[in-house]
Amino acid sequence: MLLNFERLGAWKWILLVITGLTAAFLILPILFIAALSFGSSQWLIFPPPSWTLQWYTAFFADPRWLEAAWTSFRIAVMVTVLSVLIGLVASFGLVRGRFIGKEALRALFLTPMILPVVVLAVALYAFFLRIGLNGTTTGFVIAHLVVALPFSILSITNALEGFEKSIEDAAVLCGAHPLEAKIRVTLPAISHGLFSAAIFSFLTSWDEVVLAIFMASPTLQTLPVKIWTTLRQDLTPVIAAASTLLVIVTIALMLLAALVRKGLKS
């Protein structure tokens, strides 16, 4: 028995070491980029010879970077709103609907999660090129909505499946209109699912680069596309500053989502 406990303790330490190495492998490149954004060299050199904030100043002083960041934010907000609204309607149909092919439809909604993004990007590019949506805000929103919608449907569907429908039925029996019962009873009860859907939809659009490269035009670029195009032309540390800001926004939203979910559960 003692030998078994010793073996379990050894495996525990082995798993901890593997987990630590994996986390370091994923996090260290991000930390290196963040360090480079504060370096005084005009090239991406590590370790930096000294520290400065000049590259962040250059980022906020350049209207092209600010325009790209504003474009990313604007598109992400539109994608988030549409994704939550469409995902809510689709989730009600998938959870409460009774029709032939419901499971096939559910699988179809989730297909963009497993389909290679490059394949999806090429298909959308060819289609949008024919109908004149390539390089437009509408094309960007539709393309990002395709990849964001599965996350919205998953989050809201899970919340709806965990909600006791009898509570909504009781509100209807007490005189509430079915739509009113859904708005005043069901939606507050699944608010954690709606919030998760909004966060994941926003981040999916905010960080998307493959689709954005195919959808972009010389006058309409998101921040990831701007980083990509600048990286091909120059290795200025402004790229590291922009990448760091992109990561900071992502981490802040993930922390906000965790705090809100914790507050809703308590």
C-alpha atoms as a PDB file:
ATOM      1  CA  MET A   1       0.000   0.000   0.000  1.00  0.00           C
ATOM      2  CA  LEU A   2       2.816   2.400   0.889  1.00  0.00           C
ATOM      3  CA  LEU A   3       4.476   1.595  -2.421  1.00  0.00           C
ATOM      4  CA  ASN A   4       1.289   2.478  -4.277  1.00  0.00           C
ATOM      5  CA  PHE A   5       1.110   5.880  -2.545  1.00  0.00           C
ATOM      6  CA  GLU A   6       4.756   6.516  -3.420  1.00  0.00           C
ATOM      7  CA  ARG A   7       4.043   5.672  -7.048  1.00  0.00           C
ATOM      8  CA  LEU A   8       1.042   7.999  -7.064  1.00  0.00           C
ATOM      9  CA  GLY A   9       3.171  10.765  -5.571  1.00  0.00           C
ATOM     10  CA  ALA A  10       5.840  10.259  -8.223  1.00  0.00           C
ATOM     11  CA  TRP A  11       3.266  10.393 -11.026  1.00  0.00           C
ATOM     12  CA  LYS A  12       1.833  13.564  -9.514  1.00  0.00           C
ATOM     13  CA  TRP A  13       5.211  15.288  -9.713  1.00  0.00           C
ATOM     14  CA  ILE A  14       5.780  14.015 -13.241  1.00  0.00           C
ATOM     15  CA  LEU A  15       2.408  15.438 -14.326  1.00  0.00           C
ATOM     16  CA  LEU A  16       3.210  18.747 -12.636  1.00  0.00           C
ATOM     17  CA  VAL A  17       6.542  18.970 -14.473  1.00  0.00           C
ATOM     18  CA  ILE A  18       4.911  18.146 -17.824  1.00  0.00           C
ATOM     19  CA  THR A  19       2.176  20.717 -17.183  1.00  0.00           C
ATOM     20  CA  GLY A  20       4.749  23.355 -16.227  1.00  0.00           C
ATOM     21  CA  LEU A  21       6.853  22.704 -19.328  1.00  0.00           C
ATOM     22  CA  THR A  22       3.782  22.841 -21.556  1.00  0.00           C
ATOM     23  CA  ALA A  23       2.637  26.117 -19.983  1.00  0.00           C
ATOM     24  CA  ALA A  24       6.134  27.579 -20.387  1.00  0.00           C
ATOM     25  CA  PHE A  25       6.217  26.494 -24.046  1.00  0.00           C
ATOM     26  CA  LEU A  26       2.947  28.346 -24.669  1.00  0.00           C
ATOM     27  CA  ILE A  27       3.545  31.433 -22.523  1.00  0.00           C
ATOM     28  CA  LEU A  28       7.248  32.217 -23.042  1.00  0.00           C
ATOM     29  CA  PRO A  29       6.888  33.364 -26.689  1.00  0.00           C
ATOM     30  CA  ILE A  30       4.197  35.825 -25.585  1.00  0.00           C
ATOM     31  CA  LEU A  31       6.452  37.108 -22.812  1.00  0.00           C
ATOM     32  CA  PHE A  32       9.328  37.509 -25.283  1.00  0.00           C
ATOM     33  CA  ILE A  33       7.110  39.568 -27.605  1.00  0.00           C
ATOM     34  CA  ALA A  34       6.011  41.732 -24.669  1.00  0.00           C
ATOM     35  CA  ALA A  35       9.647  42.271 -23.666  1.00  0.00           C
ATOM     36  CA  LEU A  36      10.598  43.216 -27.227  1.00  0.00           C
ATOM     37  CA  SER A  37       7.864  45.853 -27.283  1.00  0.00           C
ATOM     38  CA  PHE A  38       9.687  47.697 -24.474  1.00  0.00           C
ATOM     39  CA  GLY A  39      13.158  47.420 -26.054  1.00  0.00           C
ATOM     40  CA  SER A  40      15.045  50.517 -27.144  1.00  0.00           C
ATOM     41  CA  SER A  41      16.468  48.922 -30.298  1.00  0.00           C
ATOM     42  CA  GLN A  42      14.771  49.755 -33.578  1.00  0.00           C
ATOM     43  CA  TRP A  43      14.989  46.067 -34.477  1.00  0.00           C
ATOM     44  CA  LEU A  44      13.504  43.018 -32.773  1.00  0.00           C
ATOM     45  CA  ILE A  45      16.523  42.102 -30.644  1.00  0.00           C
ATOM     46  CA  PHE A  46      16.406  39.986 -27.494  1.00  0.00           C
ATOM     47  CA  PRO A  47      17.430  40.749 -24.842  1.00  0.00           C
ATOM     48  CA  PRO A  48      16.698  44.464 -25.371  1.00  0.00           C
ATOM     49  CA  PRO A  49      19.695  46.767 -24.762  1.00  0.00           C
ATOM     50  CA  SER A  50      17.484  49.071 -22.637  1.00  0.00           C
ATOM     51  CA  TRP A  51      13.831  49.780 -21.941  1.00  0.00           C
ATOM     52  CA  THR A  52      11.531  52.383 -23.430  1.00  0.00           C
ATOM     53  CA  LEU A  53       7.890  53.173 -24.213  1.00  0.00           C
ATOM     54  CA  GLN A  54       8.627  54.814 -27.542  1.00  0.00           C
ATOM     55  CA  TRP A  55       7.078  51.991 -29.599  1.00  0.00           C
ATOM     56  CA  TYR A  56       3.760  52.311 -27.807  1.00  0.00           C
ATOM     57  CA  THR A  57       3.942  56.056 -28.409  1.00  0.00           C
ATOM     58  CA  ALA A  58       4.621  55.372 -32.089  1.00  0.00           C
ATOM     59  CA  PHE A  59       1.674  52.975 -32.210  1.00  0.00           C
ATOM     60  CA  PHE A  60      -0.814  55.487 -30.795  1.00  0.00           C
ATOM     61  CA  ALA A  61       0.641  58.300 -32.904  1.00  0.00           C
ATOM     62  CA  ASP A  62       0.204  56.424 -36.179  1.00  0.00           C
ATOM     63  CA  PRO A  63      -3.344  56.813 -37.578  1.00  0.00           C
ATOM     64  CA  ARG A  64      -2.927  53.645 -39.667  1.00  0.00           C
ATOM     65  CA  TRP A  65      -2.492  51.484 -36.567  1.00  0.00           C
ATOM     66  CA  LEU A  66      -5.352  53.219 -34.787  1.00  0.00           C
ATOM     67  CA  GLU A  67      -7.607  52.793 -37.817  1.00  0.00           C
ATOM     68  CA  ALA A  68      -6.798  49.077 -37.943  1.00  0.00           C
ATOM     69  CA  ALA A  69      -7.518  48.707 -34.216  1.00  0.00           C
ATOM     70  CA  TRP A  70     -10.798  50.601 -34.560  1.00  0.00           C
ATOM     71  CA  THR A  71     -11.777  48.429 -37.532  1.00  0.00           C
ATOM     72  CA  SER A  72     -11.105  45.268 -35.508  1.00  0.00           C
ATOM     73  CA  PHE A  73     -13.119  46.564 -32.573  1.00  0.00           C
ATOM     74  CA  ARG A  74     -16.020  47.743 -34.726  1.00  0.00           C
ATOM     75  CA  ILE A  75     -16.266  44.475 -36.639  1.00  0.00           C
ATOM     76  CA  ALA A  76     -15.917  42.419 -33.443  1.00  0.00           C
ATOM     77  CA  VAL A  77     -18.784  44.310 -31.778  1.00  0.00           C
ATOM     78  CA  MET A  78     -21.082  43.782 -34.772  1.00  0.00           C
ATOM     79  CA  VAL A  79     -20.142  40.107 -34.938  1.00  0.00           C
ATOM     80  CA  THR A  80     -20.790  39.733 -31.203  1.00  0.00           C
ATOM     81  CA  VAL A  81     -24.278  41.240 -31.377  1.00  0.00           C
ATOM     82  CA  LEU A  82     -25.294  39.193 -34.415  1.00  0.00           C
ATOM     83  CA  SER A  83     -23.726  36.010 -33.074  1.00  0.00           C
ATOM     84  CA  VAL A  84     -25.568  36.211 -29.753  1.00  0.00           C
ATOM     85  CA  LEU A  85     -28.920  37.054 -31.370  1.00  0.00           C
ATOM     86  CA  ILE A  86     -28.703  34.355 -34.047  1.00  0.00           C
ATOM     87  CA  GLY A  87     -27.192  31.889 -31.593  1.00  0.00           C
ATOM     88  CA  LEU A  88     -30.037  32.494 -29.143  1.00  0.00           C
ATOM     89  CA  VAL A  89     -32.719  31.804 -31.749  1.00  0.00           C
ATOM     90  CA  ALA A  90     -30.856  28.776 -33.089  1.00  0.00           C
ATOM     91  CA  SER A  91     -30.302  27.384 -29.591  1.00  0.00           C
ATOM     92  CA  PHE A  92     -33.999  27.608 -28.735  1.00  0.00           C
ATOM     93  CA  GLY A  93     -34.750  25.685 -31.905  1.00  0.00           C
ATOM     94  CA  LEU A  94     -32.097  23.049 -31.236  1.00  0.00           C
ATOM     95  CA  VAL A  95     -33.007  22.529 -27.582  1.00  0.00           C
ATOM     96  CA  ARG A  96     -36.788  22.808 -27.673  1.00  0.00           C
ATOM     97  CA  GLY A  97     -37.607  22.117 -31.293  1.00  0.00           C
ATOM     98  CA  ARG A  98     -38.984  18.784 -32.416  1.00  0.00           C
ATOM     99  CA  PHE A  99     -38.301  18.203 -36.074  1.00  0.00           C
ATOM    100  CA  ILE A 100     -36.562  15.721 -38.326  1.00  0.00           C
ATOM    101  CA  GLY A 101     -32.874  16.357 -38.847  1.00  0.00           C
ATOM    102  CA  LYS A 102     -32.321  18.386 -35.681  1.00  0.00           C
ATOM    103  CA  GLU A 103     -29.062  16.618 -34.827  1.00  0.00           C
ATOM    104  CA  ALA A 104     -27.833  17.011 -38.399  1.00  0.00           C
ATOM    105  CA  LEU A 105     -28.599  20.724 -38.208  1.00  0.00           C
ATOM    106  CA  ARG A 106     -26.714  20.955 -34.909  1.00  0.00           C
ATOM    107  CA  ALA A 107     -23.705  19.292 -36.529  1.00  0.00           C
ATOM    108  CA  LEU A 108     -23.959  21.686 -39.487  1.00  0.00           C
ATOM    109  CA  PHE A 109     -23.872  24.705 -37.173  1.00  0.00           C
ATOM    110  CA  LEU A 110     -20.693  23.380 -35.540  1.00  0.00           C
ATOM    111  CA  THR A 111     -18.927  22.514 -38.803  1.00  0.00           C
ATOM    112  CA  PRO A 112     -16.843  25.752 -38.932  1.00  0.00           C
ATOM    113  CA  MET A 113     -15.136  24.654 -35.696  1.00  0.00           C
ATOM    114  CA  ILE A 114     -13.612  21.571 -37.339  1.00  0.00           C
ATOM    115  CA  LEU A 115     -13.265  22.825 -40.919  1.00  0.00           C
ATOM    116  CA  PRO A 116      -9.750  24.127 -41.716  1.00  0.00           C
ATOM    117  CA  VAL A 117      -9.861  27.907 -41.620  1.00  0.00           C
ATOM    118  CA  VAL A 118      -7.852  28.207 -44.835  1.00  0.00           C
ATOM    119  CA  VAL A 119     -10.419  26.126 -46.726  1.00  0.00           C
ATOM    120  CA  LEU A 120     -13.233  28.264 -45.344  1.00  0.00           C
ATOM    121  CA  ALA A 121     -11.339  31.462 -46.154  1.00  0.00           C
ATOM    122  CA  VAL A 122     -10.720  30.446 -49.776  1.00  0.00           C
ATOM    123  CA  ALA A 123     -14.373  29.452 -50.255  1.00  0.00           C
ATOM    124  CA  LEU A 124     -15.680  32.710 -48.770  1.00  0.00           C
ATOM    125  CA  TYR A 125     -13.153  34.742 -50.746  1.00  0.00           C
ATOM    126  CA  ALA A 126     -14.254  33.164 -54.035  1.00  0.00           C
ATOM    127  CA  PHE A 127     -17.933  33.612 -53.172  1.00  0.00           C
ATOM    128  CA  PHE A 128     -17.623  37.202 -51.915  1.00  0.00           C
ATOM    129  CA  LEU A 129     -15.540  38.112 -54.957  1.00  0.00           C
ATOM    130  CA  ARG A 130     -18.468  37.120 -57.175  1.00  0.00           C
ATOM    131  CA  ILE A 131     -21.086  39.089 -55.231  1.00  0.00           C
ATOM    132  CA  GLY A 132     -18.920  42.130 -54.513  1.00  0.00           C
ATOM    133  CA  LEU A 133     -18.528  41.757 -50.751  1.00  0.00           C
ATOM    134  CA  ASN A 134     -14.791  41.157 -50.650  1.00  0.00           C
ATOM    135  CA  GLY A 135     -12.946  44.011 -48.941  1.00  0.00           C
ATOM    136  CA  THR A 136     -16.123  45.398 -47.333  1.00  0.00           C
ATOM    137  CA  THR A 137     -17.239  45.662 -43.730  1.00  0.00           C
ATOM    138  CA  THR A 138     -20.246  43.498 -44.517  1.00  0.00           C
ATOM    139  CA  GLY A 139     -17.982  40.780 -45.910  1.00  0.00           C
ATOM    140  CA  PHE A 140     -15.782  40.945 -42.824  1.00  0.00           C
ATOM    141  CA  VAL A 141     -18.764  40.641 -40.483  1.00  0.00           C
ATOM    142  CA  ILE A 142     -20.301  37.702 -42.356  1.00  0.00           C
ATOM    143  CA  ALA A 143     -16.971  35.854 -42.565  1.00  0.00           C
ATOM    144  CA  HIS A 144     -16.228  36.333 -38.867  1.00  0.00           C
ATOM    145  CA  LEU A 145     -19.816  35.469 -37.970  1.00  0.00           C
ATOM    146  CA  VAL A 146     -19.428  32.080 -39.639  1.00  0.00           C
ATOM    147  CA  VAL A 147     -16.589  31.114 -37.278  1.00  0.00           C
ATOM    148  CA  ALA A 148     -18.012  32.861 -34.185  1.00  0.00           C
ATOM    149  CA  LEU A 149     -21.537  31.440 -34.362  1.00  0.00           C
ATOM    150  CA  PRO A 150     -20.592  27.865 -33.300  1.00  0.00           C
ATOM    151  CA  PHE A 151     -19.133  29.160 -30.018  1.00  0.00           C
ATOM    152  CA  SER A 152     -22.280  31.174 -29.395  1.00  0.00           C
ATOM    153  CA  ILE A 153     -24.562  28.226 -30.110  1.00  0.00           C
ATOM    154  CA  LEU A 154     -22.537  25.920 -27.877  1.00  0.00           C
ATOM    155  CA  SER A 155     -22.565  28.326 -24.930  1.00  0.00           C
ATOM    156  CA  ILE A 156     -26.264  29.194 -25.154  1.00  0.00           C
ATOM    157  CA  THR A 157     -27.339  25.613 -25.879  1.00  0.00           C
ATOM    158  CA  ASN A 158     -25.526  24.323 -22.798  1.00  0.00           C
ATOM    159  CA  ALA A 159     -27.145  27.027 -20.672  1.00  0.00           C
ATOM    160  CA  LEU A 160     -30.612  26.249 -22.054  1.00  0.00           C
ATOM    161  CA  GLU A 161     -30.206  22.523 -21.497  1.00  0.00           C
ATOM    162  CA  GLY A 162     -29.353  23.212 -17.856  1.00  0.00           C
ATOM    163  CA  PHE A 163     -32.396  25.447 -17.370  1.00  0.00           C
ATOM    164  CA  GLU A 164     -35.581  23.938 -15.956  1.00  0.00           C
ATOM    165  CA  LYS A 165     -38.278  24.760 -18.488  1.00  0.00           C
ATOM    166  CA  SER A 166     -41.003  24.164 -15.902  1.00  0.00           C
ATOM    167  CA  ILE A 167     -40.090  27.531 -14.347  1.00  0.00           C
ATOM    168  CA  GLU A 168     -40.905  29.264 -17.609  1.00  0.00           C
ATOM    169  CA  ASP A 169     -44.110  27.223 -17.920  1.00  0.00           C
ATOM    170  CA  ALA A 170     -45.101  28.286 -14.413  1.00  0.00           C
ATOM    171  CA  ALA A 171     -44.723  31.948 -15.420  1.00  0.00           C
ATOM    172  CA  VAL A 172     -47.009  31.339 -18.403  1.00  0.00           C
ATOM    173  CA  LEU A 173     -49.575  29.637 -16.175  1.00  0.00           C
ATOM    174  CA  CYS A 174     -49.499  32.673 -13.901  1.00  0.00           C
ATOM    175  CA  GLY A 175     -50.607  34.868 -16.800  1.00  0.00           C
ATOM    176  CA  ALA A 176     -47.396  35.913 -18.515  1.00  0.00           C
ATOM    177  CA  HIS A 177     -47.208  35.899 -22.303  1.00  0.00           C
ATOM    178  CA  PRO A 178     -44.831  33.152 -23.599  1.00  0.00           C
ATOM    179  CA  LEU A 179     -42.502  35.774 -25.065  1.00  0.00           C
ATOM    180  CA  GLU A 180     -42.594  37.779 -21.832  1.00  0.00           C
ATOM    181  CA  ALA A 181     -41.809  34.625 -19.841  1.00  0.00           C
ATOM    182  CA  LYS A 182     -38.778  33.960 -22.036  1.00  0.00           C
ATOM    183  CA  ILE A 183     -37.527  37.537 -21.664  1.00  0.00           C
ATOM    184  CA  ARG A 184     -38.147  37.960 -17.924  1.00  0.00           C
ATOM    185  CA  VAL A 185     -37.527  34.404 -16.715  1.00  0.00           C
ATOM    186  CA  THR A 186     -35.470  32.372 -19.175  1.00  0.00           C
ATOM    187  CA  LEU A 187     -32.994  34.976 -20.400  1.00  0.00           C
ATOM    188  CA  PRO A 188     -31.877  36.062 -16.904  1.00  0.00           C
ATOM    189  CA  ALA A 189     -31.484  32.395 -15.948  1.00  0.00           C
ATOM    190  CA  ILE A 190     -29.188  31.696 -18.913  1.00  0.00           C
ATOM    191  CA  SER A 191     -27.360  35.024 -18.723  1.00  0.00           C
ATOM    192  CA  HIS A 192     -24.065  33.229 -18.039  1.00  0.00           C
ATOM    193  CA  GLY A 193     -24.429  31.410 -21.360  1.00  0.00           C
ATOM    194  CA  LEU A 194     -25.248  34.649 -23.172  1.00  0.00           C
ATOM    195  CA  PHE A 195     -22.244  36.380 -21.642  1.00  0.00           C
ATOM    196  CA  SER A 196     -19.930  33.501 -22.557  1.00  0.00           C
ATOM    197  CA  ALA A 197     -21.297  33.567 -26.098  1.00  0.00           C
ATOM    198  CA  ALA A 198     -20.603  37.305 -26.327  1.00  0.00           C
ATOM    199  CA  ILE A 199     -17.044  37.005 -24.999  1.00  0.00           C
ATOM    200  CA  PHE A 200     -16.076  34.087 -27.242  1.00  0.00           C
ATOM    201  CA  SER A 201     -17.704  35.687 -30.283  1.00  0.00           C
ATOM    202  CA  PHE A 202     -15.840  38.952 -29.693  1.00  0.00           C
ATOM    203  CA  LEU A 203     -12.484  37.217 -29.199  1.00  0.00           C
ATOM    204  CA  THR A 204     -13.006  34.996 -32.239  1.00  0.00           C
ATOM    205  CA  SER A 205     -13.463  38.072 -34.416  1.00  0.00           C
ATOM    206  CA  TRP A 206     -10.863  40.196 -32.605  1.00  0.00           C
ATOM    207  CA  ASP A 207      -8.047  37.647 -33.059  1.00  0.00           C
ATOM    208  CA  GLU A 208      -8.998  36.223 -36.461  1.00  0.00           C
ATOM    209  CA  VAL A 209      -6.223  36.618 -39.013  1.00  0.00           C
ATOM    210  CA  VAL A 210      -6.613  33.948 -41.732  1.00  0.00           C
ATOM    211  CA  LEU A 211     -10.116  34.958 -42.805  1.00  0.00           C
ATOM    212  CA  ALA A 212      -9.222  38.618 -42.350  1.00  0.00           C
ATOM    213  CA  ILE A 213      -6.261  38.343 -44.736  1.00  0.00           C
ATOM    214  CA  PHE A 214      -8.558  37.060 -47.491  1.00  0.00           C
ATOM    215  CA  MET A 215     -11.274  39.625 -46.719  1.00  0.00           C
ATOM    216  CA  ALA A 216      -8.963  42.651 -46.371  1.00  0.00           C
ATOM    217  CA  SER A 217      -8.402  45.394 -48.898  1.00  0.00           C
ATOM    218  CA  PRO A 218      -5.819  48.203 -49.044  1.00  0.00           C
ATOM    219  CA  THR A 219      -8.320  50.528 -47.346  1.00  0.00           C
ATOM    220  CA  LEU A 220      -9.868  48.068 -44.879  1.00  0.00           C
ATOM    221  CA  GLN A 221      -7.616  46.070 -42.582  1.00  0.00           C
ATOM    222  CA  THR A 222      -8.074  44.697 -39.098  1.00  0.00           C
ATOM    223  CA  LEU A 223      -5.325  44.874 -36.497  1.00  0.00           C
ATOM    224  CA  PRO A 224      -4.104  41.256 -37.012  1.00  0.00           C
ATOM    225  CA  VAL A 225      -3.905  41.881 -40.770  1.00  0.00           C
ATOM    226  CA  LYS A 226      -2.013  45.134 -40.188  1.00  0.00           C
ATOM    227  CA  ILE A 227       0.451  43.255 -37.961  1.00  0.00           C
ATOM    228  CA  TRP A 228       0.872  40.571 -40.629  1.00  0.00           C
ATOM    229  CA  THR A 229       1.438  42.971 -43.516  1.00  0.00           C
ATOM    230  CA  THR A 230       3.839  45.133 -41.508  1.00  0.00           C
ATOM    231  CA  LEU A 231       5.773  42.042 -40.402  1.00  0.00           C
ATOM    232  CA  ARG A 232       6.373  41.122 -44.049  1.00  0.00           C
ATOM    233  CA  GLN A 233       7.772  44.575 -44.806  1.00  0.00           C
ATOM    234  CA  ASP A 234       9.616  45.613 -41.669  1.00  0.00           C
ATOM    235  CA  LEU A 235      10.656  44.219 -38.276  1.00  0.00           C
ATOM    236  CA  THR A 236       9.957  47.356 -36.288  1.00  0.00           C
ATOM    237  CA  PRO A 237       9.170  46.854 -32.570  1.00  0.00           C
ATOM    238  CA  VAL A 238       5.862  48.643 -33.161  1.00  0.00           C
ATOM    239  CA  ILE A 239       4.677  45.212 -34.312  1.00  0.00           C
ATOM    240  CA  ALA A 240       5.574  43.809 -30.890  1.00  0.00           C
ATOM    241  CA  ALA A 241       3.722  46.685 -29.203  1.00  0.00           C
ATOM    242  CA  ALA A 242       0.609  46.071 -31.319  1.00  0.00           C
ATOM    243  CA  SER A 243       0.784  42.331 -30.632  1.00  0.00           C
ATOM    244  CA  THR A 244       1.154  42.948 -26.905  1.00  0.00           C
ATOM    245  CA  LEU A 245      -1.885  45.230 -26.874  1.00  0.00           C
ATOM    246  CA  LEU A 246      -3.839  42.574 -28.784  1.00  0.00           C
ATOM    247  CA  VAL A 247      -2.906  39.972 -26.170  1.00  0.00           C
ATOM    248  CA  ILE A 248      -3.679  42.330 -23.278  1.00  0.00           C
ATOM    249  CA  VAL A 249      -7.219  42.951 -24.560  1.00  0.00           C
ATOM    250  CA  THR A 250      -7.747  39.202 -24.983  1.00  0.00           C
ATOM    251  CA  ILE A 251      -6.494  38.389 -21.482  1.00  0.00           C
ATOM    252  CA  ALA A 252      -8.550  41.213 -19.953  1.00  0.00           C
ATOM    253  CA  LEU A 253     -11.726  39.927 -21.566  1.00  0.00           C
ATOM    254  CA  MET A 254     -11.026  36.360 -20.456  1.00  0.00           C
ATOM    255  CA  LEU A 255     -10.467  37.536 -16.871  1.00  0.00           C
ATOM    256  CA  LEU A 256     -13.647  39.599 -17.050  1.00  0.00           C
ATOM    257  CA  ALA A 257     -15.552  36.559 -18.292  1.00  0.00           C
ATOM    258  CA  ALA A 258     -14.188  34.447 -15.430  1.00  0.00           C
ATOM    259  CA  LEU A 259     -15.125  37.077 -12.837  1.00  0.00           C
ATOM    260  CA  VAL A 260     -18.638  37.532 -14.231  1.00  0.00           C
ATOM    261  CA  ARG A 261     -19.264  33.783 -14.413  1.00  0.00           C
ATOM    262  CA  LYS A 262     -18.066  33.441 -10.819  1.00  0.00           C
ATOM    263  CA  GLY A 263     -20.361  36.265  -9.749  1.00  0.00           C
ATOM    264  CA  LEU A 264     -23.352  34.758 -11.583  1.00  0.00           C
ATOM    265  CA  LYS A 265     -22.789  31.340 -10.003  1.00  0.00           C
ATOM    266  CA  SER A 266     -22.505  32.802  -6.507  1.00  0.00           C
END
